Amino acid sequence: MRRRTKIGLLAGVLALLGLNAVAFFHAWRFTHFSTETGPRTGHPERLMGWRKLAVLLTGVANPKPVNYATPTFPYQTVLLPGPNGRLEAWYAPVPGARGTVALFHGYTSNKSAQLTEAAYFRQLGYSILLTDFAGNGGSEGNRCTVGYREAEDVRAVFQWLQRQQPGQRIVLYGVSMGAEAILRAESELGVQPTANIVECPYGSMLQTARNRFTALRVPAFPLANLLVFWGGVQNGFWAFDLDATQFATRISTPTLLMWGEADPRVTRAETDAIFQHLRGPKQRQDFAGSGHEPYWVKHPALWQQRIQTFLTADLSQ
């Protein structure tokens, strides 16, 4: 009996160590881009067989995102000092602009992915600033904290714009991780823009980790909790506090929140909770059939109309 008990305890300890090792490697590869070239791991929900097992055991292949295009409209490249490393941005002022829209991309993305959005904001009469978060595109580093330290980049961009034209209207536009970073920047770092447009921010770091393992059809507990724990430890912050639902309770900026009804990574419940907790004037638009993707792809007219209506409204109401 004692021998069986010892064997059982040893097996339990080894299993716990194994789970922590898996979570540790996942967290490192999830938050650190590699300098090696090669394909990125595809969407986890689409992987099959041994490829899914390999991703489960070792984490994703995650080369540093690179910009694949440049603007077709006039622009200048500017290098901004940031707390996480120098930031590369594309600045495209418009004569007699109604304000400036600062655009922030999602996870494993870059500023070139938002050229269509930037062109539309220019069409509406806004200057634009497209920025690579630290670790992405042309910016320094290779670390990504999925919205936490990226919020510091948002603050650096916002302060740079304030120095360029004091008193101008500044609108923050962010997708997924970019939206999360905007909400934290306002909630915890003192950023106060004229308005926000946020697409598919996730409810919390823990929930998005759970969604990640659910997409792999693997029980989320305890791997999701361990992933969040180790991701925070490796990057020097308490990742369980990365929670847009809580950020929203301290945000009074007029906000347009958008979400795709077929999004496998951000749930309706998460989106409902964020919208409910926003304190200031708020609007919401859901897009039928759209997943975790740009909404203008499947709903170009609706996406444009909602943004135009929001920006031309009295944002104080």
Protein backbone atom coordinates (compact mmCIF):
# COMPACT_ATOMS: atom_id res chain seq x y z
CA MET A 1 0.00 0.00 0.00
CA ARG A 2 2.78 2.44 0.91
CA ARG A 3 4.57 1.66 -2.33
CA ARG A 4 1.42 2.35 -4.33
CA THR A 5 0.94 5.60 -2.47
CA LYS A 6 4.50 6.69 -3.21
CA ILE A 7 4.13 5.74 -6.87
CA GLY A 8 0.88 7.70 -7.02
CA LEU A 9 2.47 10.77 -5.42
CA LEU A 10 5.45 10.56 -7.76
CA ALA A 11 3.15 10.31 -10.77
CA GLY A 12 1.21 13.31 -9.55
CA VAL A 13 4.37 15.37 -9.07
CA LEU A 14 5.66 14.41 -12.51
CA ALA A 15 2.33 15.29 -14.09
CA LEU A 16 2.32 18.68 -12.37
CA LEU A 17 5.89 19.36 -13.49
CA GLY A 18 4.96 18.32 -17.01
CA LEU A 19 1.96 20.64 -17.12
CA ASN A 20 4.07 23.53 -15.86
CA ALA A 21 6.76 22.80 -18.45
CA VAL A 22 4.16 22.82 -21.25
CA ALA A 23 2.64 26.07 -19.95
CA PHE A 24 6.08 27.66 -19.55
CA PHE A 25 7.07 26.96 -23.16
CA HIS A 26 3.67 28.09 -24.44
CA ALA A 27 3.96 31.35 -22.50
CA TRP A 28 7.49 32.05 -23.72
CA ARG A 29 6.75 31.40 -27.38
CA PHE A 30 3.45 33.27 -27.13
CA THR A 31 5.11 36.42 -25.76
CA HIS A 32 8.49 36.33 -27.53
CA PHE A 33 8.80 36.52 -31.31
CA SER A 34 11.67 34.61 -32.86
CA THR A 35 14.22 36.17 -35.18
CA GLU A 36 14.11 33.15 -37.46
CA THR A 37 12.22 33.40 -40.72
CA GLY A 38 9.57 30.85 -41.54
CA PRO A 39 5.85 30.26 -41.47
CA ARG A 40 3.78 31.12 -38.44
CA THR A 41 1.67 28.41 -36.85
CA GLY A 42 -1.83 28.51 -38.34
CA HIS A 43 -5.07 29.03 -36.48
CA PRO A 44 -5.18 26.39 -33.71
CA GLU A 45 -8.79 25.50 -34.46
CA ARG A 46 -7.73 24.41 -37.96
CA LEU A 47 -4.80 22.19 -36.98
CA MET A 48 -5.09 18.42 -37.22
CA GLY A 49 -3.39 15.33 -35.78
CA TRP A 50 0.29 15.49 -34.94
CA ARG A 51 0.53 19.19 -35.78
CA LYS A 52 -2.02 20.00 -33.08
CA LEU A 53 -0.14 17.74 -30.63
CA ALA A 54 3.16 19.47 -31.44
CA VAL A 55 1.62 22.90 -30.84
CA LEU A 56 0.08 21.69 -27.59
CA LEU A 57 3.41 20.42 -26.29
CA THR A 58 5.81 23.12 -27.48
CA GLY A 59 3.77 26.21 -28.32
CA VAL A 60 3.41 28.11 -31.58
CA ALA A 61 6.05 29.03 -34.13
CA ASN A 62 6.07 32.80 -33.79
CA PRO A 63 8.45 34.77 -36.07
CA LYS A 64 8.50 38.54 -35.61
CA PRO A 65 5.76 40.16 -37.74
CA VAL A 66 7.00 42.25 -40.67
CA ASN A 67 5.29 44.99 -42.63
CA TYR A 68 4.28 43.66 -46.03
CA ALA A 69 3.11 46.90 -47.67
CA THR A 70 3.45 50.67 -47.45
CA PRO A 71 0.80 53.39 -47.77
CA THR A 72 -0.31 54.54 -51.20
CA PHE A 73 -1.12 57.97 -49.72
CA PRO A 74 1.58 60.52 -48.76
CA TYR A 75 3.23 59.74 -45.42
CA GLN A 76 6.41 60.08 -43.44
CA THR A 77 8.14 57.49 -41.28
CA VAL A 78 8.67 58.72 -37.72
CA LEU A 79 10.60 57.07 -34.91
CA LEU A 80 9.06 57.60 -31.50
CA PRO A 81 10.76 56.96 -28.15
CA GLY A 82 8.88 54.38 -26.11
CA PRO A 83 9.37 52.67 -22.75
CA ASN A 84 9.59 49.27 -24.45
CA GLY A 85 11.93 50.34 -27.25
CA ARG A 86 11.87 52.71 -30.19
CA LEU A 87 8.59 52.68 -32.11
CA GLU A 88 8.29 52.98 -35.87
CA ALA A 89 5.21 54.80 -37.15
CA TRP A 90 3.76 56.17 -40.37
CA TYR A 91 2.36 59.67 -40.03
CA ALA A 92 0.03 61.04 -42.70
CA PRO A 93 -1.34 64.50 -41.84
CA VAL A 94 -4.30 65.91 -43.75
CA PRO A 95 -4.61 69.67 -44.43
CA GLY A 96 -7.36 71.17 -42.28
CA ALA A 97 -7.81 67.84 -40.48
CA ARG A 98 -10.77 67.27 -38.15
CA GLY A 99 -8.32 65.52 -35.82
CA THR A 100 -5.97 62.55 -35.81
CA VAL A 101 -6.74 58.85 -35.59
CA ALA A 102 -4.00 56.70 -34.03
CA LEU A 103 -4.33 53.08 -35.17
CA PHE A 104 -3.09 50.07 -33.18
CA HIS A 105 -2.86 46.57 -34.59
CA GLY A 106 -3.57 43.15 -33.09
CA TYR A 107 -1.41 40.26 -31.91
CA THR A 108 1.16 38.92 -34.43
CA SER A 109 0.32 41.81 -36.74
CA ASN A 110 1.80 45.16 -37.77
CA LYS A 111 0.85 48.62 -38.97
CA SER A 112 0.64 47.62 -42.64
CA ALA A 113 -2.36 45.44 -41.79
CA GLN A 114 -4.42 48.59 -41.14
CA LEU A 115 -3.80 50.51 -44.35
CA THR A 116 -7.42 50.10 -45.51
CA GLU A 117 -8.73 51.49 -42.23
CA ALA A 118 -6.22 54.35 -42.32
CA ALA A 119 -7.25 55.30 -45.86
CA TYR A 120 -10.90 55.48 -44.80
CA PHE A 121 -10.14 57.72 -41.82
CA ARG A 122 -8.24 60.03 -44.18
CA GLN A 123 -11.28 60.03 -46.46
CA LEU A 124 -13.31 61.27 -43.48
CA GLY A 125 -10.89 64.14 -43.03
CA TYR A 126 -8.61 62.79 -40.29
CA SER A 127 -4.85 62.70 -40.17
CA ILE A 128 -3.60 59.23 -39.25
CA LEU A 129 -0.73 57.68 -37.33
CA LEU A 130 -0.05 53.97 -37.80
CA THR A 131 2.33 52.45 -35.24
CA ASP A 132 4.06 49.12 -34.80
CA PHE A 133 3.92 48.05 -31.17
CA ALA A 134 7.31 47.28 -29.63
CA GLY A 135 8.45 43.86 -30.83
CA ASN A 136 6.45 44.10 -34.06
CA GLY A 137 7.20 45.30 -37.59
CA GLY A 138 9.81 48.06 -37.68
CA SER A 139 9.79 48.74 -33.93
CA GLU A 140 12.53 47.54 -31.61
CA GLY A 141 12.46 44.34 -29.59
CA ASN A 142 10.83 40.95 -29.93
CA ARG A 143 8.57 40.80 -26.87
CA CYS A 144 4.77 41.00 -26.90
CA THR A 145 2.66 41.10 -23.74
CA VAL A 146 -0.73 40.92 -25.50
CA GLY A 147 -1.87 44.35 -24.38
CA TYR A 148 -0.16 45.02 -21.05
CA ARG A 149 3.10 46.78 -21.96
CA GLU A 150 1.56 47.74 -25.30
CA ALA A 151 -0.61 50.15 -23.30
CA GLU A 152 2.60 52.05 -22.52
CA ASP A 153 3.21 52.31 -26.27
CA VAL A 154 -0.29 53.73 -26.68
CA ARG A 155 0.52 56.38 -24.07
CA ALA A 156 3.81 57.24 -25.82
CA VAL A 157 2.00 57.66 -29.15
CA PHE A 158 -0.77 59.73 -27.57
CA GLN A 159 1.70 62.07 -25.87
CA TRP A 160 3.66 62.50 -29.12
CA LEU A 161 0.48 63.50 -30.94
CA GLN A 162 -0.40 65.97 -28.18
CA ARG A 163 2.97 67.65 -28.67
CA GLN A 164 2.50 67.89 -32.43
CA GLN A 165 -0.78 69.81 -32.28
CA PRO A 166 -1.89 70.78 -28.77
CA GLY A 167 -5.64 70.71 -28.33
CA GLN A 168 -6.37 68.58 -31.39
CA ARG A 169 -9.00 65.82 -31.37
CA ILE A 170 -7.31 62.45 -30.96
CA VAL A 171 -9.24 59.26 -31.68
CA LEU A 172 -7.77 55.89 -30.71
CA TYR A 173 -8.60 52.93 -32.95
CA GLY A 174 -7.51 49.43 -31.97
CA VAL A 175 -8.12 45.85 -32.98
CA SER A 176 -7.98 42.89 -30.56
CA MET A 177 -4.70 43.35 -28.64
CA GLY A 178 -4.59 46.96 -29.84
CA ALA A 179 -8.07 47.52 -28.39
CA GLU A 180 -7.00 45.91 -25.11
CA ALA A 181 -3.95 48.18 -24.92
CA ILE A 182 -6.11 51.26 -25.50
CA LEU A 183 -8.49 50.31 -22.69
CA ARG A 184 -5.63 49.73 -20.24
CA ALA A 185 -3.90 52.96 -21.28
CA GLU A 186 -7.02 54.92 -20.39
CA SER A 187 -7.93 52.96 -17.30
CA GLU A 188 -4.48 52.85 -15.66
CA LEU A 189 -2.07 55.19 -17.47
CA GLY A 190 -4.00 58.45 -17.67
CA VAL A 191 -4.58 58.61 -21.44
CA GLN A 192 -7.66 60.72 -22.29
CA PRO A 193 -8.51 60.81 -26.01
CA THR A 194 -11.52 62.40 -27.64
CA ALA A 195 -13.01 59.03 -28.56
CA ASN A 196 -12.30 55.31 -28.89
CA ILE A 197 -13.12 52.82 -31.61
CA VAL A 198 -12.29 49.33 -30.38
CA GLU A 199 -12.79 46.09 -32.27
CA CYS A 200 -12.97 42.70 -30.53
CA PRO A 201 -11.05 43.37 -27.29
CA TYR A 202 -10.87 40.21 -25.20
CA GLY A 203 -12.46 40.13 -21.77
CA SER A 204 -9.37 39.07 -19.82
CA MET A 205 -6.01 37.41 -20.35
CA LEU A 206 -7.28 34.34 -18.53
CA GLN A 207 -10.38 34.10 -20.72
CA THR A 208 -8.42 34.46 -23.94
CA ALA A 209 -6.06 31.70 -22.76
CA ARG A 210 -9.08 29.51 -22.05
CA ASN A 211 -10.42 30.24 -25.53
CA ARG A 212 -7.04 29.28 -26.95
CA PHE A 213 -7.08 25.80 -25.43
CA THR A 214 -10.75 25.36 -26.25
CA ALA A 215 -9.84 25.98 -29.90
CA LEU A 216 -7.36 23.11 -29.60
CA ARG A 217 -10.17 21.00 -28.07
CA VAL A 218 -8.14 20.57 -24.91
CA PRO A 219 -9.53 21.16 -21.38
CA ALA A 220 -8.66 24.73 -20.46
CA PHE A 221 -8.04 24.04 -16.76
CA PRO A 222 -5.35 24.08 -15.46
CA LEU A 223 -3.28 24.83 -18.57
CA ALA A 224 -4.88 28.24 -19.22
CA ASN A 225 -4.25 29.33 -15.63
CA LEU A 226 -0.65 28.14 -15.77
CA LEU A 227 -0.11 29.85 -19.13
CA VAL A 228 -1.29 33.18 -17.74
CA PHE A 229 0.80 32.73 -14.59
CA TRP A 230 4.03 31.93 -16.43
CA GLY A 231 3.41 34.59 -19.09
CA GLY A 232 3.21 37.20 -16.37
CA VAL A 233 6.23 35.90 -14.47
CA GLN A 234 8.37 35.84 -17.61
CA ASN A 235 7.43 39.41 -18.50
CA GLY A 236 7.34 41.00 -15.06
CA PHE A 237 3.64 41.68 -14.43
CA TRP A 238 0.58 39.99 -12.91
CA ALA A 239 -1.20 38.83 -16.05
CA PHE A 240 -4.42 37.95 -14.24
CA ASP A 241 -5.02 41.70 -13.90
CA LEU A 242 -5.09 42.17 -17.68
CA ASP A 243 -8.87 42.47 -17.73
CA ALA A 244 -10.77 44.73 -20.11
CA THR A 245 -14.00 44.26 -18.18
CA GLN A 246 -12.39 45.95 -15.18
CA PHE A 247 -10.67 48.56 -17.34
CA ALA A 248 -14.06 49.54 -18.76
CA THR A 249 -15.37 50.51 -15.32
CA ARG A 250 -12.87 53.40 -15.28
CA ILE A 251 -13.39 54.65 -18.84
CA SER A 252 -15.68 57.60 -19.56
CA THR A 253 -14.40 58.32 -23.10
CA PRO A 254 -17.08 58.04 -25.81
CA THR A 255 -16.54 54.56 -27.24
CA LEU A 256 -17.72 52.55 -30.23
CA LEU A 257 -17.32 48.82 -29.54
CA MET A 258 -17.50 46.38 -32.46
CA TRP A 259 -17.55 42.58 -32.50
CA GLY A 260 -17.97 39.74 -34.98
CA GLU A 261 -20.72 37.28 -34.14
CA ALA A 262 -18.68 34.34 -35.48
CA ASP A 263 -15.53 35.22 -33.51
CA PRO A 264 -13.99 32.01 -32.04
CA ARG A 265 -11.49 33.92 -29.89
CA VAL A 266 -13.65 36.57 -28.25
CA THR A 267 -17.06 35.51 -26.99
CA ARG A 268 -20.34 37.39 -26.87
CA ALA A 269 -20.29 37.18 -23.07
CA GLU A 270 -16.91 38.94 -22.95
CA THR A 271 -18.09 41.65 -25.32
CA ASP A 272 -21.36 42.13 -23.44
CA ALA A 273 -19.48 42.54 -20.15
CA ILE A 274 -17.06 45.13 -21.55
CA PHE A 275 -19.87 47.15 -23.12
CA GLN A 276 -21.99 47.00 -19.99
CA HIS A 277 -19.15 48.32 -17.81
CA LEU A 278 -18.14 51.27 -20.00
CA ARG A 279 -19.04 54.40 -18.05
CA GLY A 280 -19.19 57.04 -20.76
CA PRO A 281 -21.27 57.50 -23.93
CA LYS A 282 -21.12 54.26 -25.86
CA GLN A 283 -22.28 52.61 -29.03
CA ARG A 284 -22.02 49.04 -30.24
CA GLN A 285 -22.11 47.26 -33.58
CA ASP A 286 -22.11 43.48 -34.11
CA PHE A 287 -21.28 41.97 -37.49
CA ALA A 288 -23.09 38.78 -38.52
CA GLY A 289 -20.83 36.08 -39.93
CA SER A 290 -17.58 37.91 -39.16
CA GLY A 291 -14.91 36.20 -37.11
CA HIS A 292 -11.70 37.55 -35.59
CA GLU A 293 -10.97 39.58 -38.69
CA PRO A 294 -11.40 43.08 -40.14
CA TYR A 295 -15.11 43.78 -40.37
CA TRP A 296 -14.78 45.78 -43.58
CA VAL A 297 -13.95 42.54 -45.40
CA LYS A 298 -17.50 41.14 -45.18
CA HIS A 299 -19.42 44.29 -44.26
CA PRO A 300 -17.64 47.25 -45.90
CA ALA A 301 -20.67 49.55 -46.12
CA LEU A 302 -21.87 48.85 -42.57
CA TRP A 303 -18.38 49.21 -41.10
CA GLN A 304 -17.87 52.55 -42.82
CA GLN A 305 -21.32 53.84 -41.95
CA ARG A 306 -20.99 53.02 -38.23
CA ILE A 307 -17.62 54.70 -37.96
CA GLN A 308 -18.75 57.79 -39.87
CA THR A 309 -21.92 58.10 -37.78
CA PHE A 310 -19.96 57.73 -34.56
CA LEU A 311 -17.31 60.29 -35.47
CA THR A 312 -19.78 62.89 -36.75
CA ALA A 313 -22.05 62.59 -33.70
CA ASP A 314 -21.79 64.85 -30.67
CA LEU A 315 -19.35 62.67 -28.72
CA SER A 316 -20.27 64.31 -25.45
CA GLN A 317 -23.74 62.80 -25.54
